Amino acid sequence: MRTVIFATGGSGGHIYPALAVAEAGRDRGEEVAFLGQSGGLEEEVISRAGFRFHGVRAGKWDRGRPNPRQALSAATGVIQAVWSLRIMRAELVVGFGGFASFPGCAAATLLRIPLVLHEGNAFPGRVTRWFATRARAVVGAQPEVVTHLPKSVRQHCFVQLPQPVRERRVVRPKARADLGLPADGPVTLVMGGSQGSMTLNRIVPEAYRQLKRATAVLHSTGTRWHRTVSERVSDLAGYRALPYIDATLAWSASDLGITRSGVSTLAEAAYHGVPLIMVPLPSSAEQHQLHNARAVESAGGGTVVEEADLKTLAETWDRSLEPSELLRAGEAAWSRSSEGAALRIWDLLDRVRAGAEVAS
């Protein structure tokens, strides 16, 4: 049986959408494997999910300080990826972005294996821009991304589909018990991405001390900052800080989220019907996180607090915890759910394998 290879890595924003599609494919009997950076976050996450993982060298591009050794590492990774795709008898490669997806996408191009790209952000990443004209299809979760792609891609192989999420829920009592959270009362999830957010790690504990309404807090700090945050909240009985949290459990247990506004985070929150207080990353390309957050806010599914206004976080948090507001915003969040997106992507992959037209 031939294999569909998912090339991804670098951060959770690239890894988890790929994993969502992979799990949907596994459920329908597809043979799926992953290719990414050896020792990267993707190796741990993908292996834990039960998929075959082939690690290669990937390098890492620093816009400010280019390093020739990183380019050499990426070139070595391409050679390793060519070998891996041959060994796995790859029939299709799907690139989900991140620097760790470069070797797999380049190897697919060299071997003339059909390539599909997925881009979650409004402004496409480097790998998407580099390989878009060589892909059989480019899938975009945000309509704005098409304006940044070549005309030939816009006309012949671009397809807009919702951002895929892992479509699994855990009943709330079990999720809370598994996470050591109280069975009753609201829970606020603080999540700054797979590696944590230094800004949220600093400001959220300060805001918590100012709250008038009660809430338990589940805070995913990232491994790097876990000790610092744990010490900062050690006197707060209702505040639980962990270096890493299973996202399905965390969203299933929560009533409100304080997060950045990457597209994957927003899609997961919508799938679980959790309203958000969104603190967009100011340095995101083309301010895509701010645009993402404003769209959710306009739909009623959350509130934007920009970093320049973080002094208002406690006030916004109190207001968001008001029971009727939680209910209203939760329903608005749920209305934006992308449930079914992963299977729609598999329908597209089937068309690519059949050699059919894919442009929407």
Protein backbone atom coordinates (compact mmCIF):
# COMPACT_ATOMS: atom_id res chain seq x y z
CA MET A 1 0.00 0.00 0.00
CA ARG A 2 1.33 3.41 -0.94
CA THR A 3 1.60 6.15 1.67
CA VAL A 4 0.51 9.76 2.02
CA ILE A 5 3.33 11.71 3.66
CA PHE A 6 2.67 14.79 5.77
CA ALA A 7 5.65 17.16 5.91
CA THR A 8 5.41 19.61 8.78
CA GLY A 9 6.96 20.90 11.96
CA GLY A 10 8.53 23.73 13.85
CA SER A 11 5.52 24.76 15.92
CA GLY A 12 2.11 23.54 16.98
CA GLY A 13 0.42 25.87 14.50
CA HIS A 14 1.78 23.70 11.71
CA ILE A 15 1.78 20.34 13.46
CA TYR A 16 -1.73 20.10 14.89
CA PRO A 17 -3.68 20.85 11.68
CA ALA A 18 -1.61 18.17 9.95
CA LEU A 19 -2.32 15.75 12.77
CA ALA A 20 -6.05 16.51 12.52
CA VAL A 21 -6.09 15.59 8.84
CA ALA A 22 -3.90 12.55 9.43
CA GLU A 23 -6.23 11.20 12.11
CA ALA A 24 -9.23 11.67 9.82
CA GLY A 25 -7.38 9.75 7.12
CA ARG A 26 -6.41 6.95 9.49
CA ASP A 27 -10.06 6.62 10.51
CA ARG A 28 -11.00 6.00 6.89
CA GLY A 29 -8.21 3.50 6.28
CA GLU A 30 -5.51 5.66 4.71
CA GLU A 31 -1.83 4.85 5.19
CA VAL A 32 -0.27 8.02 6.61
CA ALA A 33 3.24 8.84 7.82
CA PHE A 34 5.05 12.04 8.80
CA LEU A 35 8.34 13.60 7.84
CA GLY A 36 9.84 16.42 9.91
CA GLN A 37 12.82 17.57 11.90
CA SER A 38 14.65 15.03 14.04
CA GLY A 39 14.31 16.01 17.68
CA GLY A 40 11.71 18.69 16.97
CA LEU A 41 8.34 19.13 18.66
CA GLU A 42 6.72 17.25 15.79
CA GLU A 43 8.64 14.06 16.53
CA GLU A 44 7.27 13.94 20.07
CA VAL A 45 3.70 14.92 19.18
CA ILE A 46 3.36 12.71 16.10
CA SER A 47 4.93 9.65 17.69
CA ARG A 48 2.64 10.01 20.70
CA ALA A 49 -0.33 10.04 18.33
CA GLY A 50 0.74 6.67 16.94
CA PHE A 51 1.97 7.62 13.46
CA ARG A 52 5.22 6.63 11.79
CA PHE A 53 7.67 9.51 11.90
CA HIS A 54 10.78 9.92 9.75
CA GLY A 55 13.14 12.55 11.11
CA VAL A 56 15.52 14.51 8.91
CA ARG A 57 17.73 17.54 9.36
CA ALA A 58 15.87 20.74 8.56
CA GLY A 59 17.91 23.82 9.41
CA LYS A 60 16.23 27.02 10.50
CA TRP A 61 16.07 30.31 8.67
CA ASP A 62 16.71 33.44 10.71
CA ARG A 63 15.56 36.50 8.75
CA GLY A 64 17.88 38.81 10.65
CA ARG A 65 21.02 36.65 10.78
CA PRO A 66 21.28 34.15 7.91
CA ASN A 67 23.56 31.24 8.78
CA PRO A 68 25.14 29.22 5.93
CA ARG A 69 25.38 26.18 8.21
CA GLN A 70 21.59 26.15 8.47
CA ALA A 71 21.33 26.09 4.68
CA LEU A 72 23.74 23.14 4.62
CA SER A 73 21.63 21.38 7.24
CA ALA A 74 18.49 21.91 5.13
CA ALA A 75 20.26 20.55 2.04
CA THR A 76 21.30 17.46 3.98
CA GLY A 77 17.69 17.10 5.09
CA VAL A 78 16.50 17.13 1.47
CA ILE A 79 18.83 14.22 0.66
CA GLN A 80 17.52 12.33 3.70
CA ALA A 81 13.95 13.13 2.70
CA VAL A 82 14.46 11.76 -0.82
CA TRP A 83 15.59 8.47 0.71
CA SER A 84 12.65 8.45 3.16
CA LEU A 85 10.03 9.09 0.46
CA ARG A 86 11.41 6.23 -1.60
CA ILE A 87 11.50 3.86 1.36
CA MET A 88 7.92 4.73 2.33
CA ARG A 89 6.67 4.45 -1.28
CA ALA A 90 5.11 7.90 -1.07
CA GLU A 91 2.27 8.54 -3.51
CA LEU A 92 1.53 12.08 -2.30
CA VAL A 93 3.24 14.66 -0.06
CA VAL A 94 1.22 17.24 1.86
CA GLY A 95 3.23 20.18 3.21
CA PHE A 96 1.76 21.96 6.23
CA GLY A 97 4.37 24.69 6.52
CA GLY A 98 7.10 25.51 8.97
CA PHE A 99 10.82 25.32 8.20
CA ALA A 100 10.76 21.58 8.97
CA SER A 101 8.46 20.95 5.99
CA PHE A 102 11.05 22.22 3.49
CA PRO A 103 12.99 18.95 3.04
CA GLY A 104 9.84 16.94 2.37
CA CYS A 105 8.42 19.46 -0.11
CA ALA A 106 11.76 19.77 -1.91
CA ALA A 107 12.17 15.99 -2.07
CA ALA A 108 8.66 15.57 -3.51
CA THR A 109 9.51 18.11 -6.21
CA LEU A 110 12.79 16.35 -7.06
CA LEU A 111 11.10 12.94 -7.23
CA ARG A 112 8.06 14.31 -9.10
CA ILE A 113 5.70 13.07 -6.43
CA PRO A 114 2.44 15.09 -6.36
CA LEU A 115 2.64 17.87 -3.78
CA VAL A 116 -0.20 19.62 -1.96
CA LEU A 117 0.38 22.62 0.31
CA HIS A 118 -1.73 23.77 3.25
CA GLU A 119 -1.49 27.36 4.47
CA GLY A 120 -3.37 28.40 7.59
CA ASN A 121 -2.40 32.07 7.76
CA ALA A 122 -3.56 35.09 5.81
CA PHE A 123 0.03 35.74 4.69
CA PRO A 124 1.74 32.62 3.32
CA GLY A 125 4.91 31.31 4.89
CA ARG A 126 8.17 30.87 3.04
CA VAL A 127 7.70 27.21 2.17
CA THR A 128 4.28 27.91 0.69
CA ARG A 129 5.64 30.82 -1.36
CA TRP A 130 8.61 28.79 -2.59
CA PHE A 131 6.67 25.71 -3.68
CA ALA A 132 3.21 27.08 -4.60
CA THR A 133 3.84 27.01 -8.36
CA ARG A 134 5.05 23.39 -8.14
CA ALA A 135 2.10 22.10 -6.13
CA ARG A 136 -0.94 20.32 -7.56
CA ALA A 137 -3.11 22.18 -5.03
CA VAL A 138 -2.70 24.94 -2.45
CA VAL A 139 -5.25 24.88 0.35
CA GLY A 140 -5.82 28.13 2.22
CA ALA A 141 -7.78 28.53 5.45
CA GLN A 142 -7.95 32.33 5.10
CA PRO A 143 -9.37 33.97 1.95
CA GLU A 144 -6.73 36.73 2.09
CA VAL A 145 -3.88 34.31 1.40
CA VAL A 146 -4.78 33.98 -2.28
CA THR A 147 -3.82 37.62 -2.95
CA HIS A 148 -0.22 36.78 -2.00
CA LEU A 149 0.10 33.82 -4.37
CA PRO A 150 1.11 33.81 -8.06
CA LYS A 151 -1.64 34.31 -10.62
CA SER A 152 -1.25 30.78 -11.99
CA VAL A 153 -1.89 29.34 -8.51
CA ARG A 154 -4.95 31.56 -7.97
CA GLN A 155 -6.45 30.46 -11.26
CA HIS A 156 -5.68 26.75 -11.33
CA CYS A 157 -4.93 25.15 -8.01
CA PHE A 158 -6.04 27.27 -5.04
CA VAL A 159 -8.81 25.89 -2.82
CA GLN A 160 -10.18 27.59 0.28
CA LEU A 161 -11.21 25.23 3.09
CA PRO A 162 -11.66 25.80 6.84
CA GLN A 163 -8.74 25.21 9.18
CA PRO A 164 -8.78 21.54 10.26
CA VAL A 165 -8.80 20.67 13.96
CA ARG A 166 -8.56 17.40 15.84
CA GLU A 167 -12.24 16.50 16.10
CA ARG A 168 -12.19 14.89 19.51
CA ARG A 169 -13.92 15.99 22.66
CA VAL A 170 -13.79 14.69 26.22
CA VAL A 171 -16.82 15.04 28.47
CA ARG A 172 -16.19 17.93 30.84
CA PRO A 173 -16.22 16.03 34.17
CA LYS A 174 -13.61 13.58 32.91
CA ALA A 175 -11.46 16.30 31.32
CA ARG A 176 -11.42 18.29 34.54
CA ALA A 177 -10.71 15.25 36.67
CA ASP A 178 -7.82 14.22 34.41
CA LEU A 179 -6.34 17.72 34.66
CA GLY A 180 -6.82 18.06 38.41
CA LEU A 181 -9.35 20.88 38.06
CA PRO A 182 -12.46 21.56 40.18
CA ALA A 183 -15.63 19.92 38.93
CA ASP A 184 -17.71 23.08 39.38
CA GLY A 185 -17.24 26.72 38.48
CA PRO A 186 -15.65 28.34 35.43
CA VAL A 187 -12.20 27.40 34.17
CA THR A 188 -10.02 29.78 32.17
CA LEU A 189 -7.45 28.25 29.84
CA VAL A 190 -4.28 30.29 29.21
CA MET A 191 -2.40 29.08 26.17
CA GLY A 192 0.28 30.97 24.26
CA GLY A 193 1.00 28.34 21.63
CA SER A 194 2.93 25.08 21.82
CA GLN A 195 6.03 26.80 23.21
CA GLY A 196 4.24 29.23 25.52
CA SER A 197 4.13 33.03 25.47
CA MET A 198 6.44 35.14 27.60
CA THR A 199 3.91 37.99 27.53
CA LEU A 200 0.97 35.89 28.69
CA ASN A 201 3.16 34.14 31.25
CA ARG A 202 3.96 37.52 32.76
CA ILE A 203 0.69 39.43 32.54
CA VAL A 204 -2.00 36.79 33.22
CA PRO A 205 -0.94 35.93 36.80
CA GLU A 206 -0.88 39.68 37.55
CA ALA A 207 -4.38 40.13 36.12
CA TYR A 208 -5.67 37.08 38.02
CA ARG A 209 -4.83 38.75 41.33
CA GLN A 210 -7.07 41.68 40.34
CA LEU A 211 -10.15 39.63 39.42
CA LYS A 212 -13.45 40.18 41.20
CA ARG A 213 -15.07 37.02 39.78
CA ALA A 214 -13.88 33.54 40.67
CA THR A 215 -12.32 31.19 38.13
CA ALA A 216 -9.89 28.31 38.18
CA VAL A 217 -6.97 28.75 35.76
CA LEU A 218 -5.23 26.15 33.63
CA HIS A 219 -2.07 27.75 32.22
CA SER A 220 0.11 26.10 29.56
CA THR A 221 3.42 27.90 30.09
CA GLY A 222 5.76 26.15 27.69
CA THR A 223 8.68 24.12 29.02
CA ARG A 224 11.09 27.05 29.00
CA TRP A 225 9.06 29.20 31.40
CA HIS A 226 7.30 26.63 33.53
CA ARG A 227 9.46 26.97 36.61
CA THR A 228 9.25 30.78 36.59
CA VAL A 229 5.47 30.83 36.25
CA SER A 230 4.99 28.07 38.83
CA GLU A 231 6.95 30.08 41.38
CA ARG A 232 4.98 33.21 40.52
CA VAL A 233 1.61 31.52 41.19
CA SER A 234 2.64 29.17 43.99
CA ASP A 235 0.42 31.01 46.49
CA LEU A 236 -2.69 30.85 44.26
CA ALA A 237 -4.77 27.78 45.08
CA GLY A 238 -6.92 28.00 41.97
CA TYR A 239 -4.08 28.50 39.50
CA ARG A 240 -2.58 25.40 37.83
CA ALA A 241 0.52 25.91 35.67
CA LEU A 242 1.79 23.09 33.47
CA PRO A 243 4.60 23.08 30.89
CA TYR A 244 2.47 21.32 28.28
CA ILE A 245 -1.22 20.37 28.15
CA ASP A 246 -3.09 17.98 25.90
CA ALA A 247 -5.16 20.41 23.84
CA THR A 248 -8.23 18.19 23.58
CA LEU A 249 -8.42 17.81 27.36
CA ALA A 250 -7.71 21.50 27.94
CA TRP A 251 -10.38 22.84 25.60
CA SER A 252 -12.90 20.25 26.79
CA ALA A 253 -12.41 21.38 30.40
CA SER A 254 -12.56 25.14 29.79
CA ASP A 255 -15.21 27.87 29.68
CA LEU A 256 -12.99 30.74 28.52
CA GLY A 257 -9.56 31.10 26.93
CA ILE A 258 -6.84 33.73 27.06
CA THR A 259 -4.68 33.11 24.02
CA ARG A 260 -2.72 34.46 21.13
CA SER A 261 -4.69 34.45 17.87
CA GLY A 262 -3.01 32.05 15.51
CA VAL A 263 -5.52 30.47 13.17
CA SER A 264 -5.19 26.99 14.70
CA THR A 265 -5.89 28.27 18.21
CA LEU A 266 -8.99 30.11 17.00
CA ALA A 267 -10.21 27.06 15.09
CA GLU A 268 -9.79 24.77 18.13
CA ALA A 269 -11.61 27.23 20.39
CA ALA A 270 -14.50 27.45 17.92
CA TYR A 271 -14.76 23.66 17.62
CA HIS A 272 -15.10 23.39 21.41
CA GLY A 273 -17.37 26.46 21.70
CA VAL A 274 -14.94 28.31 23.98
CA PRO A 275 -14.96 32.14 23.77
CA LEU A 276 -11.63 33.92 23.91
CA ILE A 277 -9.76 36.93 25.15
CA MET A 278 -7.24 37.29 22.33
CA VAL A 279 -3.85 38.98 22.67
CA PRO A 280 -2.49 39.05 19.09
CA LEU A 281 1.24 38.60 18.56
CA PRO A 282 2.37 42.05 17.36
CA SER A 283 5.22 40.65 15.28
CA SER A 284 3.08 38.26 13.21
CA ALA A 285 3.52 38.69 9.45
CA GLU A 286 1.20 41.29 7.93
CA GLN A 287 -0.43 41.52 11.40
CA HIS A 288 -2.36 38.36 10.53
CA GLN A 289 -3.01 37.54 14.19
CA LEU A 290 -4.70 40.91 14.73
CA HIS A 291 -6.84 40.41 11.63
CA ASN A 292 -7.75 36.88 12.77
CA ALA A 293 -8.73 38.15 16.23
CA ARG A 294 -10.81 41.04 14.91
CA ALA A 295 -12.82 38.61 12.78
CA VAL A 296 -13.65 36.50 15.85
CA GLU A 297 -14.50 39.61 17.84
CA SER A 298 -16.81 40.89 15.09
CA ALA A 299 -18.66 37.56 15.18
CA GLY A 300 -19.11 37.87 18.96
CA GLY A 301 -16.83 34.95 19.86
CA GLY A 302 -14.33 36.89 21.92
CA THR A 303 -12.58 40.14 22.76
CA VAL A 304 -9.30 41.56 21.51
CA VAL A 305 -6.81 43.01 23.98
CA GLU A 306 -3.75 44.32 22.17
CA GLU A 307 -0.40 44.28 23.95
CA ALA A 308 -0.48 48.06 24.24
CA ASP A 309 -3.69 47.74 26.31
CA LEU A 310 -2.75 44.85 28.60
CA LYS A 311 -3.56 46.97 31.66
CA THR A 312 -7.24 46.35 30.78
CA LEU A 313 -6.91 42.55 30.85
CA ALA A 314 -8.32 42.04 34.36
CA GLU A 315 -11.35 44.20 33.60
CA THR A 316 -11.99 42.37 30.31
CA TRP A 317 -11.52 39.01 32.04
CA ASP A 318 -14.07 39.89 34.73
CA ARG A 319 -16.58 40.99 32.13
CA SER A 320 -16.04 37.84 30.04
CA LEU A 321 -16.70 35.60 33.08
CA GLU A 322 -20.18 37.00 33.61
CA PRO A 323 -22.42 33.89 33.15
CA SER A 324 -24.73 35.31 30.49
CA GLU A 325 -21.72 36.67 28.56
CA LEU A 326 -20.00 33.28 28.70
CA LEU A 327 -23.11 31.64 27.28
CA ARG A 328 -23.62 34.22 24.53
CA ALA A 329 -19.97 34.31 23.44
CA GLY A 330 -19.69 30.52 23.61
CA GLU A 331 -22.58 30.15 21.19
CA ALA A 332 -20.98 32.70 18.86
CA ALA A 333 -17.68 30.83 19.02
CA TRP A 334 -19.42 27.54 18.23
CA SER A 335 -21.05 29.09 15.16
CA ARG A 336 -17.55 29.45 13.63
CA SER A 337 -16.63 25.78 14.09
CA SER A 338 -14.71 24.19 11.21
CA GLU A 339 -16.01 20.70 11.97
CA GLY A 340 -15.65 18.45 8.95
CA ALA A 341 -12.70 20.37 7.45
CA ALA A 342 -10.27 17.46 7.75
CA LEU A 343 -12.48 15.13 5.71
CA ARG A 344 -12.99 17.85 3.09
CA ILE A 345 -9.22 18.04 2.71
CA TRP A 346 -9.13 14.27 2.15
CA ASP A 347 -11.75 14.72 -0.58
CA LEU A 348 -9.36 17.19 -2.20
CA LEU A 349 -6.42 14.78 -1.86
CA ASP A 350 -8.52 12.11 -3.58
CA ARG A 351 -9.06 14.49 -6.51
CA VAL A 352 -5.33 15.16 -6.71
CA ARG A 353 -4.57 11.43 -6.71
CA ALA A 354 -7.11 10.96 -9.47
CA GLY A 355 -5.56 13.76 -11.54
CA ALA A 356 -8.77 15.82 -11.48
CA GLU A 357 -9.12 19.60 -11.48
CA VAL A 358 -9.00 21.02 -7.96
CA ALA A 359 -9.46 24.80 -8.18
CA SER A 360 -12.60 26.05 -6.44
